Amino acid sequence: TVDSVTVQLTISVAILGTTRQNSSLGIVDFTDLFVNPSGSYTFRFVLESTGRFVDSVSLTIIAGPAYRLMVSTQPGAAFGGDAFRVQPAIQVGDLGFNKLEEPGYNVSVVKVSESGVGVLAGTKSLFTNSSGIVQYNGLSIDTKGTRYILEFSAPGLVSVRSEPFEVFIGPPNSLRIVTRPLFGGVQEIVQPHPVVQILDRGQNIVLHAPGNMSSSANQT
């Protein structure tokens, strides 16, 4: 009969790779195991047919070299033209997603083109600090949309995308004349009728602005 052996960790962290192998001439060879979080671990090998097990000595997994960018704080929803309520933060990580204190990486952010027509504004290129982190401030998108996505990149590192987020129509901020009155007689209605749009900071039309609008005229 062929016995099978499984391998697990003595703490609740997943092992990646092939964790179940059949024996061959009484030997079980695990060839592709790895653990992502750095730290000290003990491997437990369990013979399935009897439940007997043996533990390895403690093994220390150390973080690897800088490999990727990771989103540590996802951007939050915002009003058109206003800074995101929650600004994104980016962390340098190794292949196993361990956080690395790697300063000096120039991290740039762009809006993924297929995620909406709005324009990303703000300081879009920053260097990682001594903790390997970039904290953005003041990023905004002008046009409303439901699934905006940002992409962050740095030379030599694997880029990363944010989760989708929404940009809503904001509160009234300005007015735009759509149709200008051109002529009219004394005590006659001016023609054409003037039409004014109410806009938020991102120039989106505010569909349900509170209150009324007044008009006045100055002689020129």
N, C-alpha and C. Protein backbone atom coordinates (compact mmCIF):
# COMPACT_ATOMS: atom_id res chain seq x y z
N THR A 1 0.83 -1.20 0.00
CA THR A 1 0.00 0.00 0.00
C THR A 1 0.87 1.26 0.00
N VAL A 2 0.26 2.34 -0.53
CA VAL A 2 0.96 3.62 -0.59
C VAL A 2 0.43 4.52 0.51
N ASP A 3 1.31 4.96 1.38
CA ASP A 3 0.92 5.89 2.44
C ASP A 3 1.07 7.32 1.95
N SER A 4 0.21 8.20 2.47
CA SER A 4 0.29 9.61 2.14
C SER A 4 0.64 10.40 3.39
N VAL A 5 1.42 11.43 3.18
CA VAL A 5 1.81 12.31 4.28
C VAL A 5 1.41 13.73 3.93
N THR A 6 0.81 14.43 4.87
CA THR A 6 0.49 15.83 4.68
C THR A 6 1.38 16.67 5.58
N VAL A 7 1.57 17.93 5.19
CA VAL A 7 2.38 18.84 5.99
C VAL A 7 1.54 20.06 6.33
N GLN A 8 1.70 20.54 7.54
CA GLN A 8 0.99 21.73 8.02
C GLN A 8 1.91 22.48 8.97
N LEU A 9 1.47 23.67 9.31
CA LEU A 9 2.21 24.45 10.30
C LEU A 9 1.54 24.33 11.64
N THR A 10 2.31 24.47 12.69
CA THR A 10 1.75 24.35 14.04
C THR A 10 1.04 25.62 14.47
N ILE A 11 1.06 26.66 13.64
CA ILE A 11 0.24 27.86 13.86
C ILE A 11 -0.63 28.06 12.63
N SER A 12 -1.64 28.92 12.73
CA SER A 12 -2.64 29.05 11.68
C SER A 12 -2.16 29.96 10.55
N VAL A 13 -1.15 29.49 9.83
CA VAL A 13 -0.66 30.16 8.62
C VAL A 13 -0.62 29.12 7.51
N ALA A 14 -1.09 29.48 6.34
CA ALA A 14 -1.17 28.52 5.24
C ALA A 14 0.21 28.27 4.63
N ILE A 15 0.46 27.00 4.31
CA ILE A 15 1.64 26.64 3.52
C ILE A 15 1.22 26.60 2.06
N LEU A 16 2.03 27.14 1.19
CA LEU A 16 1.77 27.10 -0.25
C LEU A 16 2.64 26.03 -0.88
N GLY A 17 2.15 25.49 -1.97
CA GLY A 17 2.85 24.40 -2.63
C GLY A 17 2.07 23.11 -2.48
N THR A 18 2.71 21.98 -2.78
CA THR A 18 2.06 20.67 -2.69
C THR A 18 2.22 20.14 -1.27
N THR A 19 1.13 20.17 -0.51
CA THR A 19 1.20 19.83 0.92
C THR A 19 0.81 18.38 1.20
N ARG A 20 0.50 17.63 0.19
CA ARG A 20 0.17 16.20 0.36
C ARG A 20 0.94 15.39 -0.68
N GLN A 21 1.73 14.44 -0.24
CA GLN A 21 2.54 13.62 -1.13
C GLN A 21 2.41 12.15 -0.75
N ASN A 22 2.48 11.28 -1.78
CA ASN A 22 2.50 9.84 -1.54
C ASN A 22 3.93 9.37 -1.30
N SER A 23 4.04 8.29 -0.55
CA SER A 23 5.36 7.74 -0.27
C SER A 23 5.86 6.91 -1.43
N SER A 24 7.16 6.86 -1.58
CA SER A 24 7.82 6.00 -2.57
C SER A 24 8.98 5.30 -1.88
N LEU A 25 8.84 3.98 -1.71
CA LEU A 25 9.85 3.20 -1.00
C LEU A 25 10.09 3.75 0.40
N GLY A 26 9.00 4.19 1.02
CA GLY A 26 9.09 4.69 2.38
C GLY A 26 9.57 6.11 2.51
N ILE A 27 9.75 6.78 1.39
CA ILE A 27 10.25 8.16 1.40
C ILE A 27 9.16 9.09 0.87
N VAL A 28 8.97 10.22 1.54
CA VAL A 28 8.05 11.26 1.05
C VAL A 28 8.86 12.54 0.88
N ASP A 29 8.85 13.05 -0.33
CA ASP A 29 9.69 14.22 -0.66
C ASP A 29 8.80 15.41 -0.99
N PHE A 30 8.88 16.46 -0.19
CA PHE A 30 8.14 17.70 -0.44
C PHE A 30 9.10 18.68 -1.13
N THR A 31 8.80 19.04 -2.37
CA THR A 31 9.78 19.76 -3.18
C THR A 31 9.44 21.23 -3.44
N ASP A 32 8.22 21.67 -3.12
CA ASP A 32 7.85 23.03 -3.54
C ASP A 32 7.10 23.80 -2.45
N LEU A 33 7.46 23.57 -1.21
CA LEU A 33 6.77 24.26 -0.11
C LEU A 33 7.34 25.66 0.10
N PHE A 34 6.45 26.61 0.38
CA PHE A 34 6.92 27.92 0.82
C PHE A 34 5.86 28.60 1.66
N VAL A 35 6.30 29.53 2.47
CA VAL A 35 5.43 30.29 3.37
C VAL A 35 5.64 31.76 3.08
N ASN A 36 4.53 32.50 2.99
CA ASN A 36 4.65 33.91 2.65
C ASN A 36 5.06 34.80 3.82
N PRO A 37 4.32 34.84 4.91
CA PRO A 37 4.73 35.80 5.96
C PRO A 37 6.08 35.42 6.56
N SER A 38 6.95 36.38 6.73
CA SER A 38 8.21 36.10 7.41
C SER A 38 7.94 35.82 8.89
N GLY A 39 8.82 35.02 9.49
CA GLY A 39 8.67 34.66 10.89
C GLY A 39 9.26 33.28 11.14
N SER A 40 9.07 32.76 12.34
CA SER A 40 9.58 31.44 12.71
C SER A 40 8.44 30.42 12.71
N TYR A 41 8.68 29.26 12.08
CA TYR A 41 7.63 28.27 11.90
C TYR A 41 8.15 26.88 12.22
N THR A 42 7.23 26.02 12.66
CA THR A 42 7.51 24.59 12.84
C THR A 42 6.58 23.81 11.92
N PHE A 43 7.16 22.96 11.06
CA PHE A 43 6.38 22.15 10.14
C PHE A 43 5.99 20.84 10.83
N ARG A 44 4.74 20.44 10.64
CA ARG A 44 4.26 19.17 11.18
C ARG A 44 3.89 18.24 10.02
N PHE A 45 4.49 17.04 10.00
CA PHE A 45 4.24 16.05 8.96
C PHE A 45 3.39 14.94 9.56
N VAL A 46 2.23 14.69 8.91
CA VAL A 46 1.23 13.78 9.46
C VAL A 46 1.04 12.61 8.51
N LEU A 47 1.16 11.38 9.03
CA LEU A 47 0.88 10.17 8.27
C LEU A 47 -0.63 9.93 8.32
N GLU A 48 -1.28 10.02 7.17
CA GLU A 48 -2.73 10.00 7.15
C GLU A 48 -3.32 8.70 7.65
N SER A 49 -2.68 7.59 7.40
CA SER A 49 -3.26 6.29 7.75
C SER A 49 -3.33 6.07 9.25
N THR A 50 -2.47 6.69 10.02
CA THR A 50 -2.44 6.47 11.47
C THR A 50 -2.63 7.73 12.29
N GLY A 51 -2.44 8.89 11.68
CA GLY A 51 -2.50 10.14 12.41
C GLY A 51 -1.23 10.47 13.16
N ARG A 52 -0.24 9.62 13.08
CA ARG A 52 1.03 9.92 13.75
C ARG A 52 1.71 11.08 13.04
N PHE A 53 2.49 11.85 13.81
CA PHE A 53 3.12 13.04 13.22
C PHE A 53 4.49 13.24 13.81
N VAL A 54 5.28 14.05 13.11
CA VAL A 54 6.57 14.47 13.61
C VAL A 54 6.73 15.95 13.27
N ASP A 55 7.32 16.72 14.19
CA ASP A 55 7.52 18.15 13.98
C ASP A 55 8.97 18.42 13.61
N SER A 56 9.14 19.40 12.73
CA SER A 56 10.50 19.83 12.38
C SER A 56 11.05 20.75 13.46
N VAL A 57 12.29 21.07 13.34
CA VAL A 57 12.85 22.14 14.17
C VAL A 57 12.30 23.47 13.68
N SER A 58 12.38 24.50 14.49
CA SER A 58 11.89 25.82 14.11
C SER A 58 12.69 26.36 12.92
N LEU A 59 11.94 26.83 11.93
CA LEU A 59 12.55 27.37 10.71
C LEU A 59 12.21 28.85 10.61
N THR A 60 13.21 29.69 10.37
CA THR A 60 12.98 31.13 10.23
C THR A 60 12.87 31.51 8.76
N ILE A 61 11.74 32.11 8.41
CA ILE A 61 11.51 32.64 7.06
C ILE A 61 11.77 34.13 7.10
N ILE A 62 12.71 34.59 6.31
CA ILE A 62 13.05 36.02 6.29
C ILE A 62 12.44 36.67 5.06
N ALA A 63 12.18 37.97 5.18
CA ALA A 63 11.64 38.72 4.04
C ALA A 63 12.67 38.76 2.92
N GLY A 64 12.17 38.74 1.69
CA GLY A 64 13.05 38.78 0.52
C GLY A 64 13.30 40.19 0.04
N PRO A 65 13.94 40.34 -1.11
CA PRO A 65 14.20 41.67 -1.67
C PRO A 65 12.91 42.32 -2.18
N ALA A 66 12.98 43.62 -2.39
CA ALA A 66 11.82 44.36 -2.90
C ALA A 66 11.40 43.78 -4.24
N TYR A 67 10.09 43.52 -4.36
CA TYR A 67 9.58 42.87 -5.57
C TYR A 67 8.33 43.55 -6.12
N ARG A 68 7.47 44.04 -5.24
CA ARG A 68 6.17 44.53 -5.67
C ARG A 68 5.73 45.73 -4.85
N LEU A 69 4.68 46.40 -5.36
CA LEU A 69 3.94 47.40 -4.59
C LEU A 69 2.66 46.77 -4.08
N MET A 70 2.23 47.21 -2.91
CA MET A 70 0.99 46.72 -2.32
C MET A 70 0.16 47.92 -1.85
N VAL A 71 -1.15 47.82 -2.00
CA VAL A 71 -2.04 48.89 -1.53
C VAL A 71 -2.35 48.62 -0.06
N SER A 72 -1.84 49.47 0.82
CA SER A 72 -2.12 49.31 2.24
C SER A 72 -3.37 50.06 2.68
N THR A 73 -3.72 51.13 1.97
CA THR A 73 -4.98 51.84 2.21
C THR A 73 -5.65 52.10 0.87
N GLN A 74 -6.85 51.56 0.68
CA GLN A 74 -7.57 51.72 -0.57
C GLN A 74 -8.18 53.13 -0.65
N PRO A 75 -8.21 53.73 -1.86
CA PRO A 75 -8.87 55.04 -2.00
C PRO A 75 -10.35 54.93 -1.71
N GLY A 76 -10.89 55.98 -1.08
CA GLY A 76 -12.31 55.97 -0.74
C GLY A 76 -13.12 56.81 -1.70
N ALA A 77 -14.43 56.67 -1.63
CA ALA A 77 -15.33 57.42 -2.48
C ALA A 77 -15.17 58.92 -2.25
N ALA A 78 -15.56 59.71 -3.26
CA ALA A 78 -15.37 61.16 -3.18
C ALA A 78 -16.42 61.86 -4.01
N PHE A 79 -16.51 63.17 -3.83
CA PHE A 79 -17.32 64.01 -4.69
C PHE A 79 -16.46 64.49 -5.86
N GLY A 80 -17.12 64.75 -6.99
CA GLY A 80 -16.41 65.21 -8.17
C GLY A 80 -15.59 66.46 -7.90
N GLY A 81 -14.29 66.40 -8.19
CA GLY A 81 -13.41 67.54 -8.02
C GLY A 81 -12.88 67.72 -6.61
N ASP A 82 -13.42 66.99 -5.64
CA ASP A 82 -12.95 67.07 -4.26
C ASP A 82 -11.95 65.95 -3.98
N ALA A 83 -11.04 66.18 -3.06
CA ALA A 83 -10.07 65.16 -2.68
C ALA A 83 -10.80 63.92 -2.15
N PHE A 84 -10.27 62.73 -2.50
CA PHE A 84 -10.86 61.49 -1.99
C PHE A 84 -10.99 61.57 -0.48
N ARG A 85 -12.08 61.04 0.05
CA ARG A 85 -12.28 61.05 1.49
C ARG A 85 -11.19 60.23 2.19
N VAL A 86 -10.81 59.12 1.57
CA VAL A 86 -9.69 58.32 2.07
C VAL A 86 -8.63 58.28 0.97
N GLN A 87 -7.45 58.81 1.24
CA GLN A 87 -6.37 58.86 0.27
C GLN A 87 -5.58 57.54 0.30
N PRO A 88 -5.14 57.06 -0.88
CA PRO A 88 -4.43 55.77 -0.93
C PRO A 88 -3.05 55.84 -0.30
N ALA A 89 -2.63 54.71 0.26
CA ALA A 89 -1.27 54.53 0.76
C ALA A 89 -0.70 53.26 0.13
N ILE A 90 0.57 53.31 -0.26
CA ILE A 90 1.22 52.22 -0.98
C ILE A 90 2.45 51.77 -0.20
N GLN A 91 2.66 50.45 -0.15
CA GLN A 91 3.75 49.84 0.61
C GLN A 91 4.60 48.98 -0.32
N VAL A 92 5.92 49.04 -0.15
CA VAL A 92 6.83 48.15 -0.86
C VAL A 92 6.80 46.79 -0.20
N GLY A 93 6.75 45.71 -1.01
CA GLY A 93 6.72 44.36 -0.46
C GLY A 93 7.62 43.41 -1.23
N ASP A 94 7.87 42.24 -0.63
CA ASP A 94 8.67 41.23 -1.32
C ASP A 94 7.75 40.29 -2.10
N LEU A 95 8.29 39.22 -2.65
CA LEU A 95 7.51 38.28 -3.44
C LEU A 95 6.38 37.68 -2.62
N GLY A 96 6.60 37.48 -1.32
CA GLY A 96 5.60 36.88 -0.45
C GLY A 96 4.68 37.87 0.23
N PHE A 97 4.65 39.11 -0.24
CA PHE A 97 3.78 40.15 0.30
C PHE A 97 4.17 40.57 1.71
N ASN A 98 5.42 40.37 2.10
CA ASN A 98 5.90 40.92 3.36
C ASN A 98 6.22 42.40 3.17
N LYS A 99 5.88 43.21 4.15
CA LYS A 99 6.15 44.64 4.08
C LYS A 99 7.64 44.90 4.26
N LEU A 100 8.18 45.79 3.43
CA LEU A 100 9.61 46.11 3.49
C LEU A 100 9.80 47.59 3.76
N GLU A 101 10.78 47.90 4.59
CA GLU A 101 11.14 49.31 4.84
C GLU A 101 12.18 49.72 3.81
N GLU A 102 11.70 50.10 2.64
CA GLU A 102 12.57 50.43 1.51
C GLU A 102 12.30 51.86 1.06
N PRO A 103 13.11 52.83 1.50
CA PRO A 103 12.89 54.22 1.08
C PRO A 103 13.43 54.48 -0.32
N GLY A 104 12.95 55.57 -0.92
CA GLY A 104 13.55 56.07 -2.15
C GLY A 104 12.95 55.57 -3.45
N TYR A 105 11.91 54.74 -3.40
CA TYR A 105 11.26 54.30 -4.64
C TYR A 105 10.27 55.38 -5.09
N ASN A 106 10.37 55.75 -6.37
CA ASN A 106 9.49 56.78 -6.93
C ASN A 106 8.20 56.12 -7.41
N VAL A 107 7.11 56.31 -6.67
CA VAL A 107 5.84 55.66 -6.96
C VAL A 107 4.93 56.65 -7.68
N SER A 108 4.43 56.24 -8.83
CA SER A 108 3.53 57.08 -9.62
C SER A 108 2.15 56.44 -9.69
N VAL A 109 1.13 57.28 -9.79
CA VAL A 109 -0.24 56.78 -9.88
C VAL A 109 -0.90 57.35 -11.13
N VAL A 110 -1.67 56.50 -11.81
CA VAL A 110 -2.47 56.92 -12.97
C VAL A 110 -3.86 56.33 -12.80
N LYS A 111 -4.82 56.94 -13.46
CA LYS A 111 -6.16 56.37 -13.53
C LYS A 111 -6.19 55.36 -14.67
N VAL A 112 -6.69 54.16 -14.39
CA VAL A 112 -6.81 53.14 -15.43
C VAL A 112 -7.79 53.65 -16.48
N SER A 113 -7.37 53.66 -17.74
CA SER A 113 -8.11 54.35 -18.79
C SER A 113 -9.53 53.81 -18.97
N GLU A 114 -9.70 52.48 -18.82
CA GLU A 114 -11.03 51.92 -19.06
C GLU A 114 -11.98 52.08 -17.89
N SER A 115 -11.53 52.71 -16.81
CA SER A 115 -12.37 52.78 -15.60
C SER A 115 -13.24 54.02 -15.54
N GLY A 116 -13.13 54.93 -16.50
CA GLY A 116 -13.96 56.13 -16.47
C GLY A 116 -13.28 57.26 -17.22
N VAL A 117 -14.06 58.32 -17.51
CA VAL A 117 -13.56 59.42 -18.34
C VAL A 117 -12.96 60.55 -17.52
N GLY A 118 -13.08 60.50 -16.21
CA GLY A 118 -12.59 61.59 -15.39
C GLY A 118 -11.08 61.74 -15.42
N VAL A 119 -10.63 62.92 -15.02
CA VAL A 119 -9.20 63.25 -14.98
C VAL A 119 -8.71 63.20 -13.54
N LEU A 120 -7.62 62.48 -13.33
CA LEU A 120 -7.00 62.39 -12.01
C LEU A 120 -6.14 63.62 -11.77
N ALA A 121 -6.35 64.31 -10.66
CA ALA A 121 -5.59 65.51 -10.34
C ALA A 121 -4.91 65.34 -8.99
N GLY A 122 -3.89 66.14 -8.76
CA GLY A 122 -3.14 66.09 -7.51
C GLY A 122 -1.70 65.69 -7.78
N THR A 123 -0.91 65.57 -6.72
CA THR A 123 0.49 65.14 -6.84
C THR A 123 0.52 63.64 -7.06
N LYS A 124 0.94 63.23 -8.27
CA LYS A 124 0.81 61.83 -8.68
C LYS A 124 2.11 61.04 -8.59
N SER A 125 3.18 61.65 -8.15
CA SER A 125 4.46 60.95 -8.04
C SER A 125 5.13 61.33 -6.72
N LEU A 126 5.39 60.31 -5.87
CA LEU A 126 6.00 60.53 -4.56
C LEU A 126 7.03 59.44 -4.29
N PHE A 127 7.98 59.72 -3.41
CA PHE A 127 9.00 58.73 -3.04
C PHE A 127 8.58 58.04 -1.73
N THR A 128 8.90 56.74 -1.64
CA THR A 128 8.63 56.01 -0.40
C THR A 128 9.47 56.58 0.73
N ASN A 129 8.90 56.58 1.92
CA ASN A 129 9.61 57.08 3.10
C ASN A 129 10.46 55.97 3.73
N SER A 130 10.97 56.21 4.91
CA SER A 130 11.87 55.25 5.55
C SER A 130 11.17 53.94 5.90
N SER A 131 9.84 53.95 5.93
CA SER A 131 9.07 52.73 6.21
C SER A 131 8.64 52.02 4.93
N GLY A 132 9.08 52.53 3.78
CA GLY A 132 8.69 51.93 2.50
C GLY A 132 7.28 52.27 2.08
N ILE A 133 6.76 53.38 2.57
CA ILE A 133 5.36 53.75 2.35
C ILE A 133 5.28 55.07 1.58
N VAL A 134 4.31 55.14 0.69
CA VAL A 134 3.91 56.40 0.07
C VAL A 134 2.48 56.70 0.52
N GLN A 135 2.27 57.86 1.11
CA GLN A 135 0.94 58.31 1.51
C GLN A 135 0.53 59.48 0.62
N TYR A 136 -0.46 59.26 -0.22
CA TYR A 136 -0.92 60.33 -1.11
C TYR A 136 -1.86 61.26 -0.36
N ASN A 137 -1.87 62.52 -0.82
CA ASN A 137 -2.76 63.53 -0.25
C ASN A 137 -3.27 64.40 -1.39
N GLY A 138 -4.56 64.70 -1.37
CA GLY A 138 -5.12 65.65 -2.33
C GLY A 138 -5.46 65.08 -3.69
N LEU A 139 -5.42 63.77 -3.88
CA LEU A 139 -5.83 63.21 -5.17
C LEU A 139 -7.34 63.39 -5.35
N SER A 140 -7.75 63.69 -6.58
CA SER A 140 -9.17 63.87 -6.87
C SER A 140 -9.45 63.49 -8.32
N ILE A 141 -10.70 63.23 -8.62
CA ILE A 141 -11.18 62.97 -9.99
C ILE A 141 -12.39 63.85 -10.22
N ASP A 142 -12.44 64.49 -11.38
CA ASP A 142 -13.49 65.48 -11.60
C ASP A 142 -14.85 64.90 -11.95
N THR A 143 -14.91 63.90 -12.82
CA THR A 143 -16.18 63.43 -13.38
C THR A 143 -16.75 62.27 -12.58
N LYS A 144 -18.05 62.31 -12.34
CA LYS A 144 -18.69 61.24 -11.59
C LYS A 144 -18.54 59.91 -12.33
N GLY A 145 -18.50 58.82 -11.56
CA GLY A 145 -18.37 57.49 -12.14
C GLY A 145 -18.42 56.45 -11.03
N THR A 146 -18.70 55.19 -11.40
CA THR A 146 -18.96 54.17 -10.39
C THR A 146 -17.82 53.18 -10.18
N ARG A 147 -16.89 53.08 -11.13
CA ARG A 147 -15.85 52.04 -10.98
C ARG A 147 -14.49 52.59 -11.41
N TYR A 148 -14.06 53.64 -10.75
CA TYR A 148 -12.72 54.16 -11.03
C TYR A 148 -11.68 53.25 -10.37
N ILE A 149 -10.57 53.05 -11.06
CA ILE A 149 -9.47 52.22 -10.58
C ILE A 149 -8.17 52.99 -10.78
N LEU A 150 -7.30 52.97 -9.77
CA LEU A 150 -5.99 53.60 -9.87
C LEU A 150 -4.92 52.52 -9.99
N GLU A 151 -3.86 52.83 -10.73
CA GLU A 151 -2.74 51.91 -10.85
C GLU A 151 -1.48 52.61 -10.36
N PHE A 152 -0.72 51.91 -9.51
CA PHE A 152 0.49 52.45 -8.91
C PHE A 152 1.69 51.66 -9.43
N SER A 153 2.76 52.38 -9.79
CA SER A 153 3.94 51.72 -10.35
C SER A 153 5.20 52.42 -9.86
N ALA A 154 6.30 51.66 -9.87
CA ALA A 154 7.62 52.19 -9.52
C ALA A 154 8.65 51.39 -10.32
N PRO A 155 9.72 52.03 -10.78
CA PRO A 155 10.74 51.32 -11.57
C PRO A 155 11.28 50.09 -10.83
N GLY A 156 11.28 48.96 -11.52
CA GLY A 156 11.83 47.74 -10.96
C GLY A 156 10.90 46.93 -10.08
N LEU A 157 9.67 47.41 -9.84
CA LEU A 157 8.73 46.70 -8.98
C LEU A 157 7.46 46.36 -9.75
N VAL A 158 6.80 45.29 -9.33
CA VAL A 158 5.52 44.91 -9.92
C VAL A 158 4.46 45.92 -9.50
N SER A 159 3.71 46.43 -10.46
CA SER A 159 2.69 47.44 -10.17
C SER A 159 1.48 46.81 -9.51
N VAL A 160 0.59 47.66 -8.99
CA VAL A 160 -0.61 47.17 -8.30
C VAL A 160 -1.76 48.12 -8.62
N ARG A 161 -2.97 47.57 -8.64
CA ARG A 161 -4.18 48.37 -8.88
C ARG A 161 -5.03 48.43 -7.62
N SER A 162 -5.74 49.53 -7.48
CA SER A 162 -6.66 49.68 -6.36
C SER A 162 -7.95 48.92 -6.64
N GLU A 163 -8.74 48.77 -5.60
CA GLU A 163 -10.11 48.29 -5.77
C GLU A 163 -10.94 49.41 -6.41
N PRO A 164 -12.02 49.05 -7.11
CA PRO A 164 -12.88 50.10 -7.71
C PRO A 164 -13.51 50.97 -6.63
N PHE A 165 -13.68 52.25 -6.96
CA PHE A 165 -14.34 53.17 -6.04
C PHE A 165 -15.19 54.14 -6.84
N GLU A 166 -16.07 54.86 -6.16
CA GLU A 166 -17.05 55.70 -6.83
C GLU A 166 -16.77 57.18 -6.59
N VAL A 167 -17.04 57.98 -7.63
CA VAL A 167 -17.03 59.44 -7.52
C VAL A 167 -18.45 59.93 -7.72
N PHE A 168 -18.99 60.62 -6.71
CA PHE A 168 -20.36 61.09 -6.73
C PHE A 168 -20.43 62.56 -7.16
N ILE A 169 -21.63 62.98 -7.56
CA ILE A 169 -21.87 64.41 -7.78
C ILE A 169 -21.82 65.11 -6.43
N GLY A 170 -21.05 66.20 -6.37
CA GLY A 170 -20.86 66.90 -5.11
C GLY A 170 -21.85 68.03 -4.89
N PRO A 171 -21.66 68.80 -3.83
CA PRO A 171 -22.55 69.92 -3.54
C PRO A 171 -22.31 71.07 -4.54
N PRO A 172 -23.28 71.98 -4.63
CA PRO A 172 -23.11 73.12 -5.57
C PRO A 172 -21.85 73.91 -5.27
N ASN A 173 -21.16 74.27 -6.35
CA ASN A 173 -19.91 75.02 -6.18
C ASN A 173 -19.83 76.22 -7.12
N SER A 174 -20.45 76.11 -8.32
CA SER A 174 -20.36 77.21 -9.30
C SER A 174 -21.54 77.14 -10.25
N LEU A 175 -21.66 78.19 -11.07
CA LEU A 175 -22.72 78.28 -12.08
C LEU A 175 -22.10 78.42 -13.46
N ARG A 176 -22.84 77.92 -14.47
CA ARG A 176 -22.40 78.06 -15.86
C ARG A 176 -23.59 78.45 -16.71
N ILE A 177 -23.43 79.53 -17.48
CA ILE A 177 -24.50 79.98 -18.37
C ILE A 177 -24.49 79.11 -19.62
N VAL A 178 -25.61 78.46 -19.88
CA VAL A 178 -25.74 77.60 -21.06
C VAL A 178 -26.33 78.39 -22.23
N THR A 179 -27.37 79.15 -21.95
CA THR A 179 -28.00 80.00 -22.98
C THR A 179 -27.99 81.44 -22.49
N ARG A 180 -27.38 82.31 -23.26
CA ARG A 180 -27.27 83.72 -22.87
C ARG A 180 -28.40 84.54 -23.49
N PRO A 181 -29.04 85.43 -22.70
CA PRO A 181 -30.06 86.33 -23.29
C PRO A 181 -29.39 87.35 -24.21
N LEU A 182 -30.01 87.61 -25.34
CA LEU A 182 -29.40 88.49 -26.33
C LEU A 182 -30.14 89.80 -26.54
N PHE A 183 -31.47 89.79 -26.39
CA PHE A 183 -32.21 91.03 -26.64
C PHE A 183 -33.53 91.00 -25.89
N GLY A 184 -34.16 92.16 -25.80
CA GLY A 184 -35.47 92.29 -25.18
C GLY A 184 -35.84 93.76 -25.07
N GLY A 185 -37.13 94.03 -25.17
CA GLY A 185 -37.62 95.39 -25.04
C GLY A 185 -37.95 95.73 -23.61
N VAL A 186 -38.32 96.99 -23.36
CA VAL A 186 -38.70 97.41 -22.02
C VAL A 186 -39.93 96.64 -21.59
N GLN A 187 -39.87 96.04 -20.42
CA GLN A 187 -40.92 95.22 -19.84
C GLN A 187 -41.33 94.06 -20.75
N GLU A 188 -40.39 93.61 -21.59
CA GLU A 188 -40.61 92.41 -22.40
C GLU A 188 -39.67 91.30 -21.91
N ILE A 189 -40.10 90.08 -22.09
CA ILE A 189 -39.28 88.93 -21.69
C ILE A 189 -38.07 88.86 -22.61
N VAL A 190 -36.91 88.76 -22.00
CA VAL A 190 -35.68 88.70 -22.80
C VAL A 190 -35.64 87.39 -23.58
N GLN A 191 -35.01 87.47 -24.72
CA GLN A 191 -34.88 86.31 -25.61
C GLN A 191 -33.41 86.11 -26.00
N PRO A 192 -32.97 84.86 -26.17
CA PRO A 192 -33.69 83.66 -25.72
C PRO A 192 -33.70 83.58 -24.20
N HIS A 193 -34.53 82.71 -23.66
CA HIS A 193 -34.61 82.57 -22.21
C HIS A 193 -33.25 82.11 -21.67
N PRO A 194 -32.73 82.78 -20.67
CA PRO A 194 -31.43 82.37 -20.12
C PRO A 194 -31.54 81.03 -19.38
N VAL A 195 -30.54 80.20 -19.56
CA VAL A 195 -30.47 78.89 -18.90
C VAL A 195 -29.12 78.80 -18.18
N VAL A 196 -29.17 78.43 -16.91
CA VAL A 196 -27.96 78.34 -16.09
C VAL A 196 -27.88 76.95 -15.48
N GLN A 197 -26.69 76.37 -15.49
CA GLN A 197 -26.46 75.07 -14.85
C GLN A 197 -25.79 75.27 -13.49
N ILE A 198 -26.16 74.42 -12.53
CA ILE A 198 -25.52 74.38 -11.23
C ILE A 198 -24.48 73.26 -11.24
N LEU A 199 -23.25 73.58 -10.89
CA LEU A 199 -22.15 72.62 -11.02
C LEU A 199 -21.48 72.37 -9.67
N ASP A 200 -20.93 71.15 -9.54
CA ASP A 200 -20.09 70.88 -8.38
C ASP A 200 -18.65 71.27 -8.71
N ARG A 201 -17.72 70.95 -7.82
CA ARG A 201 -16.34 71.35 -8.02
C ARG A 201 -15.70 70.67 -9.24
N GLY A 202 -16.23 69.51 -9.62
CA GLY A 202 -15.71 68.80 -10.78
C GLY A 202 -16.43 69.12 -12.07
N GLN A 203 -17.30 70.12 -12.06
CA GLN A 203 -18.09 70.54 -13.21
C GLN A 203 -19.17 69.54 -13.60
N ASN A 204 -19.58 68.69 -12.67
CA ASN A 204 -20.75 67.84 -12.87
C ASN A 204 -22.01 68.64 -12.56
N ILE A 205 -23.08 68.41 -13.32
CA ILE A 205 -24.33 69.11 -13.09
C ILE A 205 -24.99 68.57 -11.82
N VAL A 206 -25.31 69.47 -10.90
CA VAL A 206 -25.97 69.09 -9.65
C VAL A 206 -27.47 69.02 -9.92
N LEU A 207 -28.01 67.81 -9.93
CA LEU A 207 -29.39 67.62 -10.36
C LEU A 207 -30.40 68.04 -9.32
N HIS A 208 -30.04 67.98 -8.06
CA HIS A 208 -31.01 68.26 -7.00
C HIS A 208 -30.41 69.26 -6.02
N ALA A 209 -30.12 70.46 -6.51
CA ALA A 209 -29.56 71.50 -5.65
C ALA A 209 -30.65 72.09 -4.77
N PRO A 210 -30.37 72.31 -3.49
CA PRO A 210 -31.38 72.88 -2.59
C PRO A 210 -31.56 74.37 -2.86
N GLY A 211 -32.77 74.88 -2.53
CA GLY A 211 -33.02 76.31 -2.60
C GLY A 211 -33.37 76.79 -4.00
N ASN A 212 -33.56 78.11 -4.12
CA ASN A 212 -33.93 78.75 -5.38
C ASN A 212 -32.76 79.57 -5.89
N MET A 213 -32.87 79.98 -7.17
CA MET A 213 -31.85 80.83 -7.76
C MET A 213 -32.45 82.17 -8.11
N SER A 214 -31.73 83.24 -7.83
CA SER A 214 -32.19 84.58 -8.16
C SER A 214 -31.36 85.16 -9.28
N SER A 215 -31.87 86.17 -9.91
CA SER A 215 -31.12 86.84 -10.99
C SER A 215 -31.19 88.35 -10.78
N SER A 216 -30.22 89.05 -11.31
CA SER A 216 -30.21 90.49 -11.26
C SER A 216 -29.57 91.00 -12.53
N ALA A 217 -29.72 92.26 -12.81
CA ALA A 217 -29.16 92.82 -14.02
C ALA A 217 -28.40 94.09 -13.69
N ASN A 218 -27.28 94.30 -14.32
CA ASN A 218 -26.49 95.52 -14.20
C ASN A 218 -26.49 96.22 -15.55
N GLN A 219 -26.66 97.53 -15.54
CA GLN A 219 -26.64 98.29 -16.80
C GLN A 219 -25.22 98.42 -17.30
N THR A 220 -25.04 98.17 -18.62
CA THR A 220 -23.70 98.29 -19.23
C THR A 220 -23.76 99.23 -20.41
